[in-house]
Amino acid sequence: MRRSAVALTCVLLVMPASGSAQDLTVDEMVALALERSPTLSAVRTDLDVARGQVVEAGLRPNPMVGASRQEMLDGLDNQTMVEVQWPLDLFRRPARLASARQELEVASLGIADRERLVAASVREQAGRVLEARRTLSVLEELVVASRVMRDVMEARVREGAAPRLDLDIVRVELQRVEAQEALQSAQAEAALIELRALIGLEPDSASTLRGDLEEAVRSAPELDSGSGRTLTDNRVDVREAIARIRLAETRLEQVRREGGIDASVIGEYARMNAGFPQRAFDDGGGLVPIQGLFNNLRVGVVVTVPIWDRNQGQVAAASADRRRAEYGAAASRLSARAEVAVAETRERAARRVVELYGSGARDQARRNLGVVREAYQLGRSTLVDVLGEQRRFLDVEMAYTQALSEAYQARTALRRAKGQ
């Protein structure tokens, strides 16, 4: 996360004004996606929810206050009462708070895992953009060469040195390559639009991707070479699965305590005014109403005795949830280790294929095409030979592009599998 923050700071410092072009690297696009992705913004609200639950779990129950007044319809008596009930929340708050804090940890790890997946998605889509761009450059090169060949052929036909049929064949081949170029151009633009959407930019944004596929494969960073078990256990999705076990344990303890004994302190004050319609003599011999004011104070405790309902059903459900979390953690570990093993195998094979193509096959294919073209101009080969060799050259370049793309995507998959 620290590297992402640094990269994002660099992006924001060099970002041009709105509407101007932004030429970003893959790492800068990843940093921008972590900051602007609407999907991540929505998921991060879960962290605010979890923080609110921690605050709520730490609060104590509110006291209850009641007041009443009683009037005698056939007499002068009346009574005013005020009652306060204060729940003690015995043994419940620590377990409730521990469960809420564990929820916060699970939410934090879940967001970190989602960030890992979003970063990998951006890198994968960036690889598709680079692949489409390289394929387009190969087709553009062929279009230029085919146009030159057409111009040469037109001159030879005018001079009578070549038949009209050869010119028609060259024109058809040029149109075929131009059609491929137009289709590939649209595919490259569509891949770039999808990349912009992943990082939270509008489809018509001026942002584009800097770099090429070969450079991206050559400059791929080295990854940790530690044991698969250590790497996968430190992956955020595995840590989240382990944290869910602790969450299930804290919830089990919470429902057990909530099914135990509890008590509330009760305090009551009553003011009673009682009297009779007769009069009596007071100490001084005067007549006064027979009436008295009485103040009463009562304090007590109400205890909840868990005889029948001790949250047995919730305890059983929480126990099952803990077992499910344990199985889920085991499955996450196994899946992560398998993902690392598959990604390592895939990357080794992809890099081997890139080395094979880069060891001279492409250069030889280009030289072969040049030799066949020269031979045709000297009358030692046919136009069919030229077109066949040109298509062979295109096949080699396309295969090399696919090999580069596979190497890039394999490294991205390995990076995602190792949690880096």
Protein backbone atom coordinates (compact mmCIF):
# COMPACT_ATOMS: atom_id res chain seq x y z
CA MET A 1 0.00 0.00 0.00
CA ARG A 2 2.91 2.37 0.66
CA ARG A 3 4.19 1.92 -2.92
CA SER A 4 0.70 2.57 -4.27
CA ALA A 5 0.46 5.75 -2.23
CA VAL A 6 3.80 6.99 -3.55
CA ALA A 7 2.82 6.15 -7.13
CA LEU A 8 -0.53 7.90 -6.71
CA THR A 9 1.20 11.00 -5.35
CA CYS A 10 3.42 11.07 -8.43
CA VAL A 11 0.37 10.69 -10.70
CA LEU A 12 -1.44 13.55 -9.02
CA LEU A 13 1.64 15.80 -9.18
CA VAL A 14 2.15 15.31 -12.91
CA MET A 15 -1.53 15.11 -13.85
CA PRO A 16 -2.43 17.76 -16.42
CA ALA A 17 -5.53 19.90 -16.30
CA SER A 18 -8.87 18.26 -16.98
CA GLY A 19 -9.40 17.42 -20.63
CA SER A 20 -5.70 17.35 -21.57
CA ALA A 21 -3.82 14.18 -22.47
CA GLN A 22 -2.42 12.00 -19.69
CA ASP A 23 0.30 9.56 -20.73
CA LEU A 24 0.42 7.09 -17.82
CA THR A 25 2.44 3.97 -17.13
CA VAL A 26 0.85 0.74 -15.94
CA ASP A 27 1.90 1.39 -12.32
CA GLU A 28 0.48 4.90 -12.46
CA MET A 29 -2.81 3.56 -13.78
CA VAL A 30 -2.92 1.01 -10.98
CA ALA A 31 -2.36 3.76 -8.42
CA LEU A 32 -5.06 5.88 -10.04
CA ALA A 33 -7.49 2.95 -10.01
CA LEU A 34 -6.90 2.37 -6.29
CA GLU A 35 -7.83 6.01 -5.70
CA ARG A 36 -10.68 6.55 -8.16
CA SER A 37 -12.30 3.17 -8.84
CA PRO A 38 -16.05 3.43 -8.05
CA THR A 39 -16.07 -0.24 -7.11
CA LEU A 40 -13.40 0.27 -4.46
CA SER A 41 -15.09 3.43 -3.21
CA ALA A 42 -18.29 1.46 -2.67
CA VAL A 43 -16.46 -1.36 -0.87
CA ARG A 44 -14.56 1.05 1.38
CA THR A 45 -17.85 2.19 2.90
CA ASP A 46 -17.91 -1.22 4.62
CA LEU A 47 -15.02 0.02 6.73
CA ASP A 48 -17.05 3.01 7.93
CA VAL A 49 -19.92 0.65 8.75
CA ALA A 50 -17.59 -1.58 10.77
CA ARG A 51 -16.15 1.40 12.65
CA GLY A 52 -19.67 2.52 13.53
CA GLN A 53 -20.44 -0.97 14.83
CA VAL A 54 -17.36 -0.84 17.07
CA VAL A 55 -18.55 2.45 18.54
CA GLU A 56 -22.04 1.05 19.06
CA ALA A 57 -20.72 -2.14 20.65
CA GLY A 58 -18.76 -0.15 23.23
CA LEU A 59 -21.81 1.79 24.43
CA ARG A 60 -23.68 0.69 27.53
CA PRO A 61 -27.47 0.19 27.58
CA ASN A 62 -29.56 3.27 28.25
CA PRO A 63 -31.45 3.55 31.55
CA MET A 64 -35.24 3.57 31.46
CA VAL A 65 -37.19 6.25 33.31
CA GLY A 66 -40.92 6.10 33.98
CA ALA A 67 -43.37 8.41 35.77
CA SER A 68 -47.02 7.99 36.75
CA ARG A 69 -49.70 9.73 38.80
CA GLN A 70 -52.69 8.11 40.43
CA GLU A 71 -55.84 10.01 41.49
CA MET A 72 -58.70 8.61 43.60
CA LEU A 73 -62.02 9.38 41.90
CA ASP A 74 -64.01 9.17 45.13
CA GLY A 75 -61.57 10.73 47.53
CA LEU A 76 -58.74 13.12 48.07
CA ASP A 77 -55.93 10.57 47.80
CA ASN A 78 -53.35 10.84 45.00
CA GLN A 79 -49.93 9.36 44.36
CA THR A 80 -47.00 10.42 42.15
CA MET A 81 -44.32 7.88 41.27
CA VAL A 82 -40.98 8.10 39.43
CA GLU A 83 -39.14 4.88 38.50
CA VAL A 84 -35.63 4.34 37.10
CA GLN A 85 -34.37 1.02 35.71
CA TRP A 86 -30.65 0.70 34.95
CA PRO A 87 -29.51 -2.46 33.06
CA LEU A 88 -26.16 -3.73 34.31
CA ASP A 89 -25.31 -5.54 31.03
CA LEU A 90 -23.39 -8.16 32.96
CA PHE A 91 -20.44 -9.79 31.15
CA ARG A 92 -21.79 -8.81 27.74
CA ARG A 93 -19.94 -5.68 26.69
CA PRO A 94 -16.38 -7.17 26.37
CA ALA A 95 -17.59 -9.99 24.12
CA ARG A 96 -19.75 -7.64 22.05
CA LEU A 97 -16.85 -5.21 21.63
CA ALA A 98 -14.42 -8.00 20.67
CA SER A 99 -16.83 -9.24 18.01
CA ALA A 100 -17.24 -5.75 16.54
CA ARG A 101 -13.48 -5.18 16.45
CA GLN A 102 -13.01 -8.50 14.69
CA GLU A 103 -15.65 -7.41 12.17
CA LEU A 104 -13.54 -4.30 11.54
CA GLU A 105 -10.44 -6.42 10.92
CA VAL A 106 -12.32 -8.67 8.49
CA ALA A 107 -13.64 -5.61 6.65
CA SER A 108 -10.15 -4.10 6.41
CA LEU A 109 -8.67 -7.31 5.01
CA GLY A 110 -11.59 -7.67 2.60
CA ILE A 111 -10.94 -4.19 1.22
CA ALA A 112 -7.22 -4.94 0.89
CA ASP A 113 -8.03 -8.11 -1.03
CA ARG A 114 -10.38 -6.21 -3.30
CA GLU A 115 -7.61 -3.70 -3.96
CA ARG A 116 -5.30 -6.59 -4.87
CA LEU A 117 -7.84 -7.89 -7.38
CA VAL A 118 -8.52 -4.45 -8.85
CA ALA A 119 -4.79 -3.83 -9.30
CA ALA A 120 -4.45 -7.20 -11.04
CA SER A 121 -7.45 -6.43 -13.27
CA VAL A 122 -5.91 -3.11 -14.30
CA ARG A 123 -2.60 -4.79 -15.11
CA GLU A 124 -4.35 -7.53 -17.11
CA GLN A 125 -6.35 -5.00 -19.11
CA ALA A 126 -3.23 -2.92 -19.66
CA GLY A 127 -1.61 -6.04 -21.10
CA ARG A 128 -4.51 -6.44 -23.51
CA VAL A 129 -4.09 -2.83 -24.59
CA LEU A 130 -0.36 -3.33 -25.19
CA GLU A 131 -1.03 -6.56 -27.09
CA ALA A 132 -3.62 -4.90 -29.31
CA ARG A 133 -1.30 -1.96 -29.88
CA ARG A 134 1.61 -4.18 -30.94
CA THR A 135 -0.59 -6.20 -33.29
CA LEU A 136 -1.78 -2.94 -34.79
CA SER A 137 1.80 -1.75 -35.33
CA VAL A 138 2.65 -4.99 -37.18
CA LEU A 139 -0.39 -4.57 -39.42
CA GLU A 140 0.47 -0.92 -40.05
CA GLU A 141 3.95 -1.99 -41.14
CA LEU A 142 2.45 -4.52 -43.55
CA VAL A 143 0.02 -1.92 -44.91
CA VAL A 144 2.92 0.45 -45.66
CA ALA A 145 4.90 -2.35 -47.32
CA SER A 146 1.85 -3.47 -49.33
CA ARG A 147 1.23 0.08 -50.54
CA VAL A 148 4.84 0.38 -51.68
CA MET A 149 4.50 -2.93 -53.47
CA ARG A 150 1.29 -1.75 -55.13
CA ASP A 151 2.96 1.44 -56.34
CA VAL A 152 5.89 -0.56 -57.72
CA MET A 153 3.53 -3.01 -59.39
CA GLU A 154 1.51 -0.19 -60.97
CA ALA A 155 4.72 1.21 -62.45
CA ARG A 156 5.76 -2.21 -63.80
CA VAL A 157 2.31 -2.77 -65.33
CA ARG A 158 2.50 0.61 -67.06
CA GLU A 159 5.91 -0.34 -68.43
CA GLY A 160 4.64 -3.73 -69.54
CA ALA A 161 7.06 -5.58 -67.25
CA ALA A 162 4.30 -7.33 -65.25
CA PRO A 163 0.83 -8.63 -66.06
CA ARG A 164 -2.30 -6.80 -64.95
CA LEU A 165 -3.32 -9.82 -62.87
CA ASP A 166 -0.36 -9.36 -60.54
CA LEU A 167 -1.45 -5.78 -59.84
CA ASP A 168 -5.00 -6.93 -59.09
CA ILE A 169 -3.69 -9.59 -56.68
CA VAL A 170 -1.55 -7.01 -54.88
CA ARG A 171 -4.50 -4.64 -54.57
CA VAL A 172 -6.68 -7.39 -53.08
CA GLU A 173 -3.96 -8.26 -50.60
CA LEU A 174 -3.59 -4.59 -49.65
CA GLN A 175 -7.31 -4.27 -49.04
CA ARG A 176 -7.27 -7.40 -46.90
CA VAL A 177 -4.44 -6.07 -44.72
CA GLU A 178 -6.09 -2.64 -44.51
CA ALA A 179 -9.31 -4.29 -43.32
CA GLN A 180 -7.37 -6.16 -40.65
CA GLU A 181 -5.70 -2.92 -39.61
CA ALA A 182 -9.05 -1.10 -39.31
CA LEU A 183 -10.52 -3.91 -37.20
CA GLN A 184 -7.43 -4.09 -35.00
CA SER A 185 -7.47 -0.31 -34.52
CA ALA A 186 -11.03 -0.53 -33.21
CA GLN A 187 -10.09 -3.39 -30.91
CA ALA A 188 -7.15 -1.42 -29.50
CA GLU A 189 -9.38 1.58 -28.85
CA ALA A 190 -12.02 -0.61 -27.20
CA ALA A 191 -9.39 -2.19 -24.92
CA LEU A 192 -8.21 1.28 -23.90
CA ILE A 193 -11.79 2.37 -23.13
CA GLU A 194 -12.24 -0.67 -20.89
CA LEU A 195 -8.98 0.19 -19.13
CA ARG A 196 -10.20 3.74 -18.51
CA ALA A 197 -13.41 2.38 -17.02
CA LEU A 198 -11.44 0.18 -14.63
CA ILE A 199 -9.54 3.15 -13.23
CA GLY A 200 -12.67 5.31 -12.95
CA LEU A 201 -12.26 7.52 -16.03
CA GLU A 202 -14.83 8.45 -18.65
CA PRO A 203 -14.72 6.60 -22.01
CA ASP A 204 -13.82 9.82 -23.85
CA SER A 205 -11.01 10.67 -21.44
CA ALA A 206 -7.71 11.75 -22.99
CA SER A 207 -5.72 9.38 -20.77
CA THR A 208 -3.66 6.78 -22.60
CA LEU A 209 -1.17 4.07 -21.74
CA ARG A 210 2.56 4.64 -22.09
CA GLY A 211 4.99 1.89 -23.04
CA ASP A 212 5.02 -1.20 -25.22
CA LEU A 213 4.53 -4.90 -24.64
CA GLU A 214 8.16 -5.95 -25.11
CA GLU A 215 9.38 -3.36 -22.61
CA ALA A 216 6.69 -4.38 -20.12
CA VAL A 217 7.84 -8.02 -20.32
CA ARG A 218 11.54 -7.16 -20.07
CA SER A 219 11.12 -4.74 -17.16
CA ALA A 220 8.83 -6.98 -15.09
CA PRO A 221 9.91 -6.74 -11.42
CA GLU A 222 11.32 -9.72 -9.62
CA LEU A 223 8.91 -11.30 -7.16
CA ASP A 224 9.58 -12.83 -3.75
CA SER A 225 11.01 -16.32 -4.09
CA GLY A 226 9.98 -17.55 -0.64
CA SER A 227 8.14 -20.79 -0.06
CA GLY A 228 4.64 -21.03 -1.44
CA ARG A 229 3.22 -21.80 2.01
CA THR A 230 4.68 -18.63 3.55
CA LEU A 231 3.64 -16.43 0.66
CA THR A 232 0.08 -17.70 0.47
CA ASP A 233 -0.44 -17.54 4.25
CA ASN A 234 0.47 -13.86 4.07
CA ARG A 235 -1.95 -13.19 1.21
CA VAL A 236 -4.76 -10.90 2.29
CA ASP A 237 -7.58 -13.23 1.21
CA VAL A 238 -6.07 -16.07 3.28
CA ARG A 239 -5.58 -13.70 6.21
CA GLU A 240 -9.19 -12.61 5.79
CA ALA A 241 -10.33 -16.25 5.91
CA ILE A 242 -8.31 -16.77 9.10
CA ALA A 243 -9.75 -13.58 10.57
CA ARG A 244 -13.24 -14.94 9.87
CA ILE A 245 -12.43 -17.89 12.13
CA ARG A 246 -11.60 -15.49 14.95
CA LEU A 247 -14.76 -13.56 14.15
CA ALA A 248 -16.85 -16.72 14.42
CA GLU A 249 -15.19 -17.49 17.77
CA THR A 250 -15.94 -14.04 19.15
CA ARG A 251 -19.55 -14.28 17.99
CA LEU A 252 -19.88 -17.66 19.65
CA GLU A 253 -18.60 -16.19 22.91
CA GLN A 254 -20.97 -13.24 22.50
CA VAL A 255 -24.11 -15.35 22.11
CA ARG A 256 -23.05 -17.53 25.04
CA ARG A 257 -22.74 -14.52 27.30
CA GLU A 258 -25.98 -13.03 26.04
CA GLY A 259 -27.69 -16.26 27.07
CA GLY A 260 -26.37 -16.01 30.63
CA ILE A 261 -27.59 -14.22 33.73
CA ASP A 262 -28.27 -10.51 33.66
CA ALA A 263 -29.60 -7.94 36.12
CA SER A 264 -31.02 -4.45 36.30
CA VAL A 265 -31.04 -2.06 39.24
CA ILE A 266 -34.44 -0.49 39.97
CA GLY A 267 -35.04 2.70 41.96
CA GLU A 268 -38.50 4.13 42.69
CA TYR A 269 -39.66 7.25 44.47
CA ALA A 270 -43.35 7.66 45.44
CA ARG A 271 -45.10 10.67 46.99
CA MET A 272 -48.52 9.79 48.38
CA ASN A 273 -51.08 12.34 49.51
CA ALA A 274 -53.79 10.63 51.67
CA GLY A 275 -56.65 12.13 53.71
CA PHE A 276 -60.33 12.08 54.77
CA PRO A 277 -63.16 14.60 54.32
CA GLN A 278 -63.43 15.07 58.11
CA ARG A 279 -61.52 17.51 60.31
CA ALA A 280 -59.68 16.97 63.55
CA PHE A 281 -58.09 19.09 66.28
CA ASP A 282 -54.42 19.82 66.01
CA ASP A 283 -52.03 20.43 68.93
CA GLY A 284 -53.25 23.99 69.30
CA GLY A 285 -56.90 23.00 69.44
CA GLY A 286 -57.79 24.22 65.95
CA LEU A 287 -59.65 22.18 63.36
CA VAL A 288 -57.56 21.00 60.44
CA PRO A 289 -58.21 18.51 57.58
CA ILE A 290 -57.22 14.93 58.25
CA GLN A 291 -54.46 14.57 55.63
CA GLY A 292 -50.89 13.22 55.35
CA LEU A 293 -48.00 13.35 52.85
CA PHE A 294 -45.85 10.23 52.61
CA ASN A 295 -42.50 9.95 50.75
CA ASN A 296 -41.38 6.43 49.84
CA LEU A 297 -38.10 5.29 48.28
CA ARG A 298 -37.63 1.77 46.90
CA VAL A 299 -34.43 0.21 45.55
CA GLY A 300 -34.21 -3.28 44.13
CA VAL A 301 -32.64 -5.58 41.60
CA VAL A 302 -34.33 -7.51 38.77
CA VAL A 303 -32.42 -10.63 37.72
CA THR A 304 -32.94 -12.48 34.44
CA VAL A 305 -32.61 -16.18 35.22
CA PRO A 306 -31.76 -18.25 32.10
CA ILE A 307 -33.70 -21.41 32.87
CA TRP A 308 -35.14 -22.41 29.49
CA ASP A 309 -33.75 -19.92 26.95
CA ARG A 310 -29.96 -19.83 27.12
CA ASN A 311 -29.50 -18.99 23.43
CA GLN A 312 -29.01 -22.68 22.64
CA GLY A 313 -30.07 -22.20 19.03
CA GLN A 314 -27.80 -19.23 18.44
CA VAL A 315 -24.90 -21.04 20.10
CA ALA A 316 -25.40 -24.00 17.77
CA ALA A 317 -25.58 -21.69 14.76
CA ALA A 318 -22.44 -19.82 15.84
CA SER A 319 -20.59 -23.12 16.33
CA ALA A 320 -21.56 -24.21 12.83
CA ASP A 321 -20.44 -20.83 11.49
CA ARG A 322 -17.05 -21.31 13.12
CA ARG A 323 -16.65 -24.75 11.50
CA ARG A 324 -17.62 -23.23 8.16
CA ALA A 325 -14.99 -20.50 8.61
CA GLU A 326 -12.35 -23.15 9.37
CA TYR A 327 -13.24 -25.07 6.21
CA GLY A 328 -13.22 -21.83 4.25
CA ALA A 329 -9.74 -20.94 5.51
CA ALA A 330 -8.44 -24.38 4.55
CA ALA A 331 -9.98 -24.00 1.09
CA SER A 332 -8.45 -20.52 0.70
CA ARG A 333 -4.99 -21.81 1.60
CA LEU A 334 -5.26 -24.71 -0.83
CA SER A 335 -6.62 -22.50 -3.62
CA ALA A 336 -3.90 -19.90 -3.09
CA ARG A 337 -1.10 -22.49 -3.20
CA ALA A 338 -2.55 -24.05 -6.34
CA GLU A 339 -2.86 -20.60 -7.91
CA VAL A 340 0.81 -19.87 -7.20
CA ALA A 341 1.92 -23.23 -8.60
CA VAL A 342 -0.14 -22.78 -11.78
CA ALA A 343 1.08 -19.21 -12.28
CA GLU A 344 4.73 -20.23 -11.82
CA THR A 345 4.36 -23.05 -14.36
CA ARG A 346 2.61 -20.76 -16.79
CA GLU A 347 5.22 -18.02 -16.44
CA ARG A 348 8.18 -20.38 -16.97
CA ALA A 349 6.65 -21.73 -20.16
CA ALA A 350 5.72 -18.27 -21.46
CA ARG A 351 9.21 -16.87 -20.90
CA ARG A 352 10.72 -19.88 -22.67
CA VAL A 353 8.51 -19.24 -25.70
CA VAL A 354 9.51 -15.55 -25.75
CA GLU A 355 13.18 -16.55 -25.67
CA LEU A 356 12.66 -18.94 -28.59
CA TYR A 357 11.07 -16.25 -30.72
CA GLY A 358 13.61 -13.67 -29.65
CA SER A 359 16.60 -15.88 -30.42
CA GLY A 360 16.46 -15.13 -34.15
CA ALA A 361 13.22 -16.53 -35.51
CA ARG A 362 11.67 -13.12 -36.06
CA ASP A 363 14.79 -11.65 -37.64
CA GLN A 364 15.07 -14.64 -39.93
CA ALA A 365 11.43 -14.31 -40.97
CA ARG A 366 11.99 -10.63 -41.81
CA ARG A 367 15.11 -11.45 -43.83
CA ASN A 368 13.29 -14.21 -45.66
CA LEU A 369 10.55 -11.79 -46.66
CA GLY A 370 13.12 -9.29 -47.93
CA VAL A 371 14.94 -11.96 -49.95
CA VAL A 372 11.71 -13.21 -51.56
CA ARG A 373 10.71 -9.67 -52.50
CA GLU A 374 14.08 -9.01 -54.09
CA ALA A 375 13.90 -12.31 -55.92
CA TYR A 376 10.49 -11.37 -57.28
CA GLN A 377 11.80 -8.04 -58.52
CA LEU A 378 14.60 -9.95 -60.29
CA GLY A 379 12.09 -12.35 -61.79
CA ARG A 380 13.31 -15.36 -59.81
CA SER A 381 10.12 -15.93 -57.79
CA THR A 382 6.41 -15.48 -58.24
CA LEU A 383 4.00 -13.05 -56.64
CA VAL A 384 2.38 -15.98 -54.86
CA ASP A 385 5.74 -16.68 -53.19
CA VAL A 386 5.94 -13.06 -52.00
CA LEU A 387 2.41 -13.07 -50.59
CA GLY A 388 2.96 -16.45 -48.95
CA GLU A 389 6.16 -15.28 -47.28
CA GLN A 390 4.48 -12.06 -46.20
CA ARG A 391 1.71 -14.00 -44.50
CA ARG A 392 4.29 -16.27 -42.90
CA PHE A 393 6.05 -13.18 -41.55
CA LEU A 394 2.71 -11.92 -40.22
CA ASP A 395 2.06 -15.29 -38.54
CA VAL A 396 5.45 -15.17 -36.83
CA GLU A 397 4.90 -11.62 -35.58
CA MET A 398 1.40 -12.45 -34.36
CA ALA A 399 2.69 -15.55 -32.57
CA TYR A 400 5.45 -13.48 -30.98
CA THR A 401 2.89 -10.92 -29.85
CA GLN A 402 0.79 -13.68 -28.30
CA ALA A 403 3.89 -15.08 -26.58
CA LEU A 404 4.72 -11.64 -25.16
CA SER A 405 1.12 -11.20 -24.03
CA GLU A 406 1.13 -14.62 -22.37
CA ALA A 407 4.40 -13.81 -20.59
CA TYR A 408 2.98 -10.50 -19.38
CA GLN A 409 -0.31 -12.01 -18.24
CA ALA A 410 1.49 -14.93 -16.58
CA ARG A 411 3.66 -12.54 -14.59
CA THR A 412 0.57 -10.54 -13.64
CA ALA A 413 -1.19 -13.73 -12.52
CA LEU A 414 1.87 -14.74 -10.49
CA ARG A 415 1.99 -11.32 -8.90
CA ARG A 416 -1.68 -11.59 -7.98
CA ALA A 417 -1.23 -15.16 -6.71
CA LYS A 418 1.65 -14.16 -4.45
CA GLY A 419 -0.29 -11.20 -3.12
CA GLN A 420 2.23 -8.66 -4.40
